[in-house]
Amino acid sequence: MPHILQLNYSQINRQKISIFIVWLFHLSAMIGISIGFEDWFMSKTPLNLTVIFGLLLWSFSYKEVKFWLGMSLFFLGGMLLEWLGVQYGLFFGSYVYGDNLGPKLDGVPWFIGINWALLTIITGLMAKHFLKSTIGRILLGAGLMVFLDLFLEVSAPIFDFWEFENGLVPLSNYIAWFGFSVLFHGIFNVLRLKGDGKLACHLYGAQLVFFAYFFVLYKFLIV
């Protein structure tokens, strides 16, 4: 019994530390960018994604083969979709990636593949946390990914993440996002991946607050 209590206490501590770090990174970046240090903070985007990925592994304690199988499928699938998008304009429209997402493979940043995997895992755990129906979980998880993208698209060209031709995000981008997210969440549920739903909510919430803030700032307040 003492050993079990100690383990649970350790898990709770990891969760609290992870939540604190997630909000610290995002709120610091919001403040820093707002007061004029945009270039410095945006260039650290790969570091931020690395930290989130590290917290995911540390706090969720994934050791199962199926977790790594899922991560690999989401990463490789995301990279393939983005490569087809960048090279041939398929699915999402005509767009190019900037420099703030780090090193690229044939025009596609490695971190965009990691981001596909992270968002799928995070939103999948959130959906699992709130719903029991598999279909409901798949649709909610995919919807959460697209909802975040609605805010992200406004900041993406300003932060030198990516930019669509003529600065217009086509409807096909959101349709494709939802369609492929449904596919990825289907895989997530088939594999029955498990993790910390509460931390997933904070990981998603911090990104949503961050990009919603700049959505309002750049869309309505800055002329």
C-alpha atoms as a PDB file:
ATOM      1  CA  MET A   1       0.000   0.000   0.000  1.00  0.00           C
ATOM      2  CA  PRO A   2       2.737   2.605   0.820  1.00  0.00           C
ATOM      3  CA  HIS A   3       4.383   1.830  -2.520  1.00  0.00           C
ATOM      4  CA  ILE A   4       1.115   2.476  -4.401  1.00  0.00           C
ATOM      5  CA  LEU A   5       0.542   5.748  -2.532  1.00  0.00           C
ATOM      6  CA  GLN A   6       4.084   6.851  -3.305  1.00  0.00           C
ATOM      7  CA  LEU A   7       3.598   6.083  -7.003  1.00  0.00           C
ATOM      8  CA  ASN A   8       0.357   8.056  -7.181  1.00  0.00           C
ATOM      9  CA  TYR A   9       1.956  10.982  -5.350  1.00  0.00           C
ATOM     10  CA  SER A  10       4.841  10.916  -7.841  1.00  0.00           C
ATOM     11  CA  GLN A  11       2.427  10.926 -10.788  1.00  0.00           C
ATOM     12  CA  ILE A  12       0.513  13.870  -9.329  1.00  0.00           C
ATOM     13  CA  ASN A  13       3.764  15.804  -8.860  1.00  0.00           C
ATOM     14  CA  ARG A  14       4.789  15.150 -12.466  1.00  0.00           C
ATOM     15  CA  GLN A  15       1.392  16.344 -13.611  1.00  0.00           C
ATOM     16  CA  LYS A  16       1.572  19.590 -11.590  1.00  0.00           C
ATOM     17  CA  ILE A  17       5.122  20.354 -12.718  1.00  0.00           C
ATOM     18  CA  SER A  18       4.200  19.681 -16.345  1.00  0.00           C
ATOM     19  CA  ILE A  19       1.125  21.923 -16.195  1.00  0.00           C
ATOM     20  CA  PHE A  20       3.183  24.712 -14.631  1.00  0.00           C
ATOM     21  CA  ILE A  21       5.885  24.479 -17.330  1.00  0.00           C
ATOM     22  CA  VAL A  22       3.326  24.422 -20.158  1.00  0.00           C
ATOM     23  CA  TRP A  23       1.594  27.600 -18.982  1.00  0.00           C
ATOM     24  CA  LEU A  24       4.911  29.277 -18.115  1.00  0.00           C
ATOM     25  CA  PHE A  25       6.200  28.775 -21.663  1.00  0.00           C
ATOM     26  CA  HIS A  26       3.016  29.959 -23.359  1.00  0.00           C
ATOM     27  CA  LEU A  27       2.266  32.943 -21.131  1.00  0.00           C
ATOM     28  CA  SER A  28       5.902  34.089 -21.257  1.00  0.00           C
ATOM     29  CA  ALA A  29       5.809  33.938 -25.051  1.00  0.00           C
ATOM     30  CA  MET A  30       2.536  35.891 -25.147  1.00  0.00           C
ATOM     31  CA  ILE A  31       4.029  38.643 -23.006  1.00  0.00           C
ATOM     32  CA  GLY A  32       7.394  38.633 -24.777  1.00  0.00           C
ATOM     33  CA  ILE A  33       5.893  38.860 -28.255  1.00  0.00           C
ATOM     34  CA  SER A  34       3.456  41.572 -27.159  1.00  0.00           C
ATOM     35  CA  ILE A  35       6.255  43.829 -25.914  1.00  0.00           C
ATOM     36  CA  GLY A  36       8.406  43.483 -29.017  1.00  0.00           C
ATOM     37  CA  PHE A  37      10.479  40.298 -28.712  1.00  0.00           C
ATOM     38  CA  GLU A  38       8.559  38.480 -31.438  1.00  0.00           C
ATOM     39  CA  ASP A  39      11.578  37.276 -33.431  1.00  0.00           C
ATOM     40  CA  TRP A  40      13.322  35.787 -30.387  1.00  0.00           C
ATOM     41  CA  PHE A  41      10.294  33.906 -29.071  1.00  0.00           C
ATOM     42  CA  MET A  42       9.101  32.696 -32.477  1.00  0.00           C
ATOM     43  CA  SER A  43      12.538  31.315 -33.290  1.00  0.00           C
ATOM     44  CA  LYS A  44      12.184  29.157 -30.159  1.00  0.00           C
ATOM     45  CA  THR A  45       9.064  27.380 -31.481  1.00  0.00           C
ATOM     46  CA  PRO A  46      10.965  24.101 -32.106  1.00  0.00           C
ATOM     47  CA  LEU A  47      12.178  24.239 -28.488  1.00  0.00           C
ATOM     48  CA  ASN A  48       8.611  24.713 -27.273  1.00  0.00           C
ATOM     49  CA  LEU A  49       7.397  21.700 -29.268  1.00  0.00           C
ATOM     50  CA  THR A  50      10.311  19.639 -27.963  1.00  0.00           C
ATOM     51  CA  VAL A  51       9.464  20.548 -24.369  1.00  0.00           C
ATOM     52  CA  ILE A  52       5.794  19.644 -24.865  1.00  0.00           C
ATOM     53  CA  PHE A  53       6.779  16.310 -26.405  1.00  0.00           C
ATOM     54  CA  GLY A  54       9.153  15.668 -23.499  1.00  0.00           C
ATOM     55  CA  LEU A  55       6.437  16.473 -20.954  1.00  0.00           C
ATOM     56  CA  LEU A  56       4.094  14.140 -22.789  1.00  0.00           C
ATOM     57  CA  LEU A  57       6.550  11.277 -22.400  1.00  0.00           C
ATOM     58  CA  TRP A  58       7.558  12.158 -18.837  1.00  0.00           C
ATOM     59  CA  SER A  59       4.096  12.759 -17.442  1.00  0.00           C
ATOM     60  CA  PHE A  60       2.191  10.095 -19.365  1.00  0.00           C
ATOM     61  CA  SER A  61       4.881   7.439 -18.811  1.00  0.00           C
ATOM     62  CA  TYR A  62       4.253   5.732 -22.123  1.00  0.00           C
ATOM     63  CA  LYS A  63       6.222   2.489 -22.369  1.00  0.00           C
ATOM     64  CA  GLU A  64       3.895   0.431 -24.565  1.00  0.00           C
ATOM     65  CA  VAL A  65       4.822  -0.509 -28.120  1.00  0.00           C
ATOM     66  CA  LYS A  66       1.415   0.656 -29.381  1.00  0.00           C
ATOM     67  CA  PHE A  67       2.120   4.198 -28.172  1.00  0.00           C
ATOM     68  CA  TRP A  68       5.246   4.383 -30.306  1.00  0.00           C
ATOM     69  CA  LEU A  69       3.371   2.741 -33.169  1.00  0.00           C
ATOM     70  CA  GLY A  70       0.689   5.428 -32.931  1.00  0.00           C
ATOM     71  CA  MET A  71       3.223   8.252 -32.676  1.00  0.00           C
ATOM     72  CA  SER A  72       5.097   6.900 -35.693  1.00  0.00           C
ATOM     73  CA  LEU A  73       1.932   6.588 -37.791  1.00  0.00           C
ATOM     74  CA  PHE A  74       0.770  10.100 -36.895  1.00  0.00           C
ATOM     75  CA  PHE A  75       4.215  11.579 -37.515  1.00  0.00           C
ATOM     76  CA  LEU A  76       4.814   9.826 -40.837  1.00  0.00           C
ATOM     77  CA  GLY A  77       1.231  10.398 -41.960  1.00  0.00           C
ATOM     78  CA  GLY A  78       1.451  14.085 -41.110  1.00  0.00           C
ATOM     79  CA  MET A  79       4.772  14.462 -42.921  1.00  0.00           C
ATOM     80  CA  LEU A  80       3.450  12.701 -46.021  1.00  0.00           C
ATOM     81  CA  LEU A  81       0.305  14.831 -46.155  1.00  0.00           C
ATOM     82  CA  GLU A  82       2.295  18.039 -45.712  1.00  0.00           C
ATOM     83  CA  TRP A  83       4.834  16.982 -48.350  1.00  0.00           C
ATOM     84  CA  LEU A  84       2.047  16.346 -50.854  1.00  0.00           C
ATOM     85  CA  GLY A  85       0.537  19.695 -49.879  1.00  0.00           C
ATOM     86  CA  VAL A  86       3.753  21.684 -50.262  1.00  0.00           C
ATOM     87  CA  GLN A  87       4.974  19.950 -53.424  1.00  0.00           C
ATOM     88  CA  TYR A  88       1.711  19.503 -55.312  1.00  0.00           C
ATOM     89  CA  GLY A  89      -0.833  21.749 -53.598  1.00  0.00           C
ATOM     90  CA  LEU A  90      -2.958  18.767 -52.614  1.00  0.00           C
ATOM     91  CA  PHE A  91      -5.555  18.710 -49.827  1.00  0.00           C
ATOM     92  CA  PHE A  92      -4.778  21.999 -48.033  1.00  0.00           C
ATOM     93  CA  GLY A  93      -4.217  24.465 -50.861  1.00  0.00           C
ATOM     94  CA  SER A  94      -1.063  26.193 -52.108  1.00  0.00           C
ATOM     95  CA  TYR A  95       1.273  27.168 -49.265  1.00  0.00           C
ATOM     96  CA  VAL A  96       4.930  27.281 -48.202  1.00  0.00           C
ATOM     97  CA  TYR A  97       6.635  26.928 -44.832  1.00  0.00           C
ATOM     98  CA  GLY A  98       8.728  29.671 -43.249  1.00  0.00           C
ATOM     99  CA  ASP A  99      11.851  29.319 -41.117  1.00  0.00           C
ATOM    100  CA  ASN A 100      10.531  29.374 -37.539  1.00  0.00           C
ATOM    101  CA  LEU A 101       9.511  25.715 -37.418  1.00  0.00           C
ATOM    102  CA  GLY A 102      13.089  24.535 -37.763  1.00  0.00           C
ATOM    103  CA  PRO A 103      14.884  22.203 -40.222  1.00  0.00           C
ATOM    104  CA  LYS A 104      12.952  20.898 -43.224  1.00  0.00           C
ATOM    105  CA  LEU A 105      12.741  17.804 -45.353  1.00  0.00           C
ATOM    106  CA  ASP A 106      12.060  18.845 -48.933  1.00  0.00           C
ATOM    107  CA  GLY A 107      10.254  21.976 -47.770  1.00  0.00           C
ATOM    108  CA  VAL A 108       8.387  20.387 -44.835  1.00  0.00           C
ATOM    109  CA  PRO A 109       9.628  21.061 -41.261  1.00  0.00           C
ATOM    110  CA  TRP A 110      10.252  17.922 -39.223  1.00  0.00           C
ATOM    111  CA  PHE A 111       8.410  19.580 -36.360  1.00  0.00           C
ATOM    112  CA  ILE A 112       5.182  19.784 -38.355  1.00  0.00           C
ATOM    113  CA  GLY A 113       5.101  15.987 -38.342  1.00  0.00           C
ATOM    114  CA  ILE A 114       5.712  16.010 -34.604  1.00  0.00           C
ATOM    115  CA  ASN A 115       2.940  18.572 -34.240  1.00  0.00           C
ATOM    116  CA  TRP A 116       0.483  16.297 -36.069  1.00  0.00           C
ATOM    117  CA  ALA A 117       1.383  13.498 -33.663  1.00  0.00           C
ATOM    118  CA  LEU A 118       1.208  15.686 -30.551  1.00  0.00           C
ATOM    119  CA  LEU A 119      -2.144  17.235 -31.459  1.00  0.00           C
ATOM    120  CA  THR A 120      -3.646  13.849 -32.290  1.00  0.00           C
ATOM    121  CA  ILE A 121      -2.518  12.382 -28.954  1.00  0.00           C
ATOM    122  CA  ILE A 122      -3.597  15.437 -26.934  1.00  0.00           C
ATOM    123  CA  THR A 123      -7.026  15.860 -28.532  1.00  0.00           C
ATOM    124  CA  GLY A 124      -7.561  12.101 -28.521  1.00  0.00           C
ATOM    125  CA  LEU A 125      -6.981  11.981 -24.771  1.00  0.00           C
ATOM    126  CA  MET A 126      -9.270  14.984 -24.267  1.00  0.00           C
ATOM    127  CA  ALA A 127     -12.072  13.348 -26.239  1.00  0.00           C
ATOM    128  CA  LYS A 128     -11.574  10.120 -24.315  1.00  0.00           C
ATOM    129  CA  HIS A 129     -11.698  12.100 -21.064  1.00  0.00           C
ATOM    130  CA  PHE A 130     -15.123  13.565 -21.885  1.00  0.00           C
ATOM    131  CA  LEU A 131     -16.935  10.978 -24.014  1.00  0.00           C
ATOM    132  CA  LYS A 132     -17.605   7.236 -23.957  1.00  0.00           C
ATOM    133  CA  SER A 133     -18.791   6.784 -27.538  1.00  0.00           C
ATOM    134  CA  THR A 134     -15.998   5.894 -29.968  1.00  0.00           C
ATOM    135  CA  ILE A 135     -17.652   7.801 -32.821  1.00  0.00           C
ATOM    136  CA  GLY A 136     -18.158  10.766 -30.521  1.00  0.00           C
ATOM    137  CA  ARG A 137     -14.513  10.673 -29.468  1.00  0.00           C
ATOM    138  CA  ILE A 138     -13.304  10.574 -33.069  1.00  0.00           C
ATOM    139  CA  LEU A 139     -15.476  13.507 -34.126  1.00  0.00           C
ATOM    140  CA  LEU A 140     -14.695  15.577 -31.029  1.00  0.00           C
ATOM    141  CA  GLY A 141     -10.958  14.957 -31.339  1.00  0.00           C
ATOM    142  CA  ALA A 142     -10.954  15.952 -35.008  1.00  0.00           C
ATOM    143  CA  GLY A 143     -13.132  18.974 -34.261  1.00  0.00           C
ATOM    144  CA  LEU A 144     -10.731  20.154 -31.565  1.00  0.00           C
ATOM    145  CA  MET A 145      -7.821  19.991 -34.014  1.00  0.00           C
ATOM    146  CA  VAL A 146      -9.669  22.055 -36.619  1.00  0.00           C
ATOM    147  CA  PHE A 147     -10.907  24.529 -34.006  1.00  0.00           C
ATOM    148  CA  LEU A 148      -7.336  25.250 -32.909  1.00  0.00           C
ATOM    149  CA  ASP A 149      -6.275  25.636 -36.538  1.00  0.00           C
ATOM    150  CA  LEU A 150      -8.913  28.348 -37.068  1.00  0.00           C
ATOM    151  CA  PHE A 151      -7.004  30.586 -34.653  1.00  0.00           C
ATOM    152  CA  LEU A 152      -3.551  29.400 -35.666  1.00  0.00           C
ATOM    153  CA  GLU A 153      -3.957  30.327 -39.340  1.00  0.00           C
ATOM    154  CA  VAL A 154      -4.105  34.055 -38.540  1.00  0.00           C
ATOM    155  CA  SER A 155      -0.766  34.052 -36.696  1.00  0.00           C
ATOM    156  CA  ALA A 156       1.055  31.534 -38.924  1.00  0.00           C
ATOM    157  CA  PRO A 157       2.264  33.953 -41.643  1.00  0.00           C
ATOM    158  CA  ILE A 158       3.075  36.694 -39.106  1.00  0.00           C
ATOM    159  CA  PHE A 159       5.180  34.258 -37.054  1.00  0.00           C
ATOM    160  CA  ASP A 160       6.809  32.880 -40.227  1.00  0.00           C
ATOM    161  CA  PHE A 161       5.334  29.395 -39.704  1.00  0.00           C
ATOM    162  CA  TRP A 162       3.664  29.070 -43.122  1.00  0.00           C
ATOM    163  CA  GLU A 163       1.741  31.182 -45.601  1.00  0.00           C
ATOM    164  CA  PHE A 164      -0.903  30.423 -48.206  1.00  0.00           C
ATOM    165  CA  GLU A 165      -0.839  31.818 -51.716  1.00  0.00           C
ATOM    166  CA  ASN A 166      -2.276  35.347 -51.815  1.00  0.00           C
ATOM    167  CA  GLY A 167      -2.587  35.214 -48.019  1.00  0.00           C
ATOM    168  CA  LEU A 168      -5.965  33.438 -48.248  1.00  0.00           C
ATOM    169  CA  VAL A 169      -6.661  30.188 -46.407  1.00  0.00           C
ATOM    170  CA  PRO A 170      -8.943  28.064 -48.627  1.00  0.00           C
ATOM    171  CA  LEU A 171     -11.926  26.165 -47.249  1.00  0.00           C
ATOM    172  CA  SER A 172     -10.253  22.973 -48.483  1.00  0.00           C
ATOM    173  CA  ASN A 173      -7.613  23.432 -45.777  1.00  0.00           C
ATOM    174  CA  TYR A 174     -10.145  23.031 -42.983  1.00  0.00           C
ATOM    175  CA  ILE A 175     -12.031  20.238 -44.741  1.00  0.00           C
ATOM    176  CA  ALA A 176      -8.785  18.297 -45.241  1.00  0.00           C
ATOM    177  CA  TRP A 177      -7.712  18.948 -41.660  1.00  0.00           C
ATOM    178  CA  PHE A 178     -10.980  17.526 -40.386  1.00  0.00           C
ATOM    179  CA  GLY A 179     -10.963  14.547 -42.748  1.00  0.00           C
ATOM    180  CA  PHE A 180      -7.433  13.439 -41.966  1.00  0.00           C
ATOM    181  CA  SER A 181      -7.916  14.174 -38.270  1.00  0.00           C
ATOM    182  CA  VAL A 182     -10.879  11.793 -38.287  1.00  0.00           C
ATOM    183  CA  LEU A 183      -8.611   9.149 -39.825  1.00  0.00           C
ATOM    184  CA  PHE A 184      -5.881   9.726 -37.236  1.00  0.00           C
ATOM    185  CA  HIS A 185      -8.362   9.667 -34.369  1.00  0.00           C
ATOM    186  CA  GLY A 186      -9.785   6.447 -35.726  1.00  0.00           C
ATOM    187  CA  ILE A 187      -6.300   4.944 -35.421  1.00  0.00           C
ATOM    188  CA  PHE A 188      -5.941   6.457 -31.936  1.00  0.00           C
ATOM    189  CA  ASN A 189      -9.113   4.702 -30.784  1.00  0.00           C
ATOM    190  CA  VAL A 190      -8.285   1.401 -32.490  1.00  0.00           C
ATOM    191  CA  LEU A 191      -4.964   1.364 -30.623  1.00  0.00           C
ATOM    192  CA  ARG A 192      -6.780   2.393 -27.404  1.00  0.00           C
ATOM    193  CA  LEU A 193      -4.015   4.744 -26.364  1.00  0.00           C
ATOM    194  CA  LYS A 194      -4.102   5.848 -22.746  1.00  0.00           C
ATOM    195  CA  GLY A 195      -2.747   8.876 -20.911  1.00  0.00           C
ATOM    196  CA  ASP A 196      -3.376  11.808 -18.638  1.00  0.00           C
ATOM    197  CA  GLY A 197      -6.562  13.524 -19.826  1.00  0.00           C
ATOM    198  CA  LYS A 198      -6.166  16.444 -17.425  1.00  0.00           C
ATOM    199  CA  LEU A 199      -2.682  17.302 -18.666  1.00  0.00           C
ATOM    200  CA  ALA A 200      -3.895  16.926 -22.253  1.00  0.00           C
ATOM    201  CA  CYS A 201      -6.562  19.550 -21.548  1.00  0.00           C
ATOM    202  CA  HIS A 202      -3.901  21.949 -20.244  1.00  0.00           C
ATOM    203  CA  LEU A 203      -1.597  21.283 -23.213  1.00  0.00           C
ATOM    204  CA  TYR A 204      -4.439  22.053 -25.601  1.00  0.00           C
ATOM    205  CA  GLY A 205      -5.803  24.920 -23.518  1.00  0.00           C
ATOM    206  CA  ALA A 206      -2.445  26.706 -23.365  1.00  0.00           C
ATOM    207  CA  GLN A 207      -2.095  26.584 -27.154  1.00  0.00           C
ATOM    208  CA  LEU A 208      -5.690  27.698 -27.646  1.00  0.00           C
ATOM    209  CA  VAL A 209      -5.272  30.678 -25.297  1.00  0.00           C
ATOM    210  CA  PHE A 210      -1.989  31.592 -27.001  1.00  0.00           C
ATOM    211  CA  PHE A 211      -3.300  31.577 -30.568  1.00  0.00           C
ATOM    212  CA  ALA A 212      -6.742  32.973 -29.664  1.00  0.00           C
ATOM    213  CA  TYR A 213      -4.994  35.931 -28.029  1.00  0.00           C
ATOM    214  CA  PHE A 214      -2.995  36.698 -31.169  1.00  0.00           C
ATOM    215  CA  PHE A 215      -6.031  36.002 -33.354  1.00  0.00           C
ATOM    216  CA  VAL A 216      -7.882  38.825 -31.584  1.00  0.00           C
ATOM    217  CA  LEU A 217      -4.774  41.026 -31.498  1.00  0.00           C
ATOM    218  CA  TYR A 218      -3.912  40.752 -35.188  1.00  0.00           C
ATOM    219  CA  LYS A 219      -7.444  40.403 -36.543  1.00  0.00           C
ATOM    220  CA  PHE A 220      -9.197  43.178 -34.654  1.00  0.00           C
ATOM    221  CA  LEU A 221      -6.805  45.362 -32.651  1.00  0.00           C
ATOM    222  CA  ILE A 222      -3.806  45.948 -34.904  1.00  0.00           C
ATOM    223  CA  VAL A 223      -4.612  47.779 -38.126  1.00  0.00           C
END
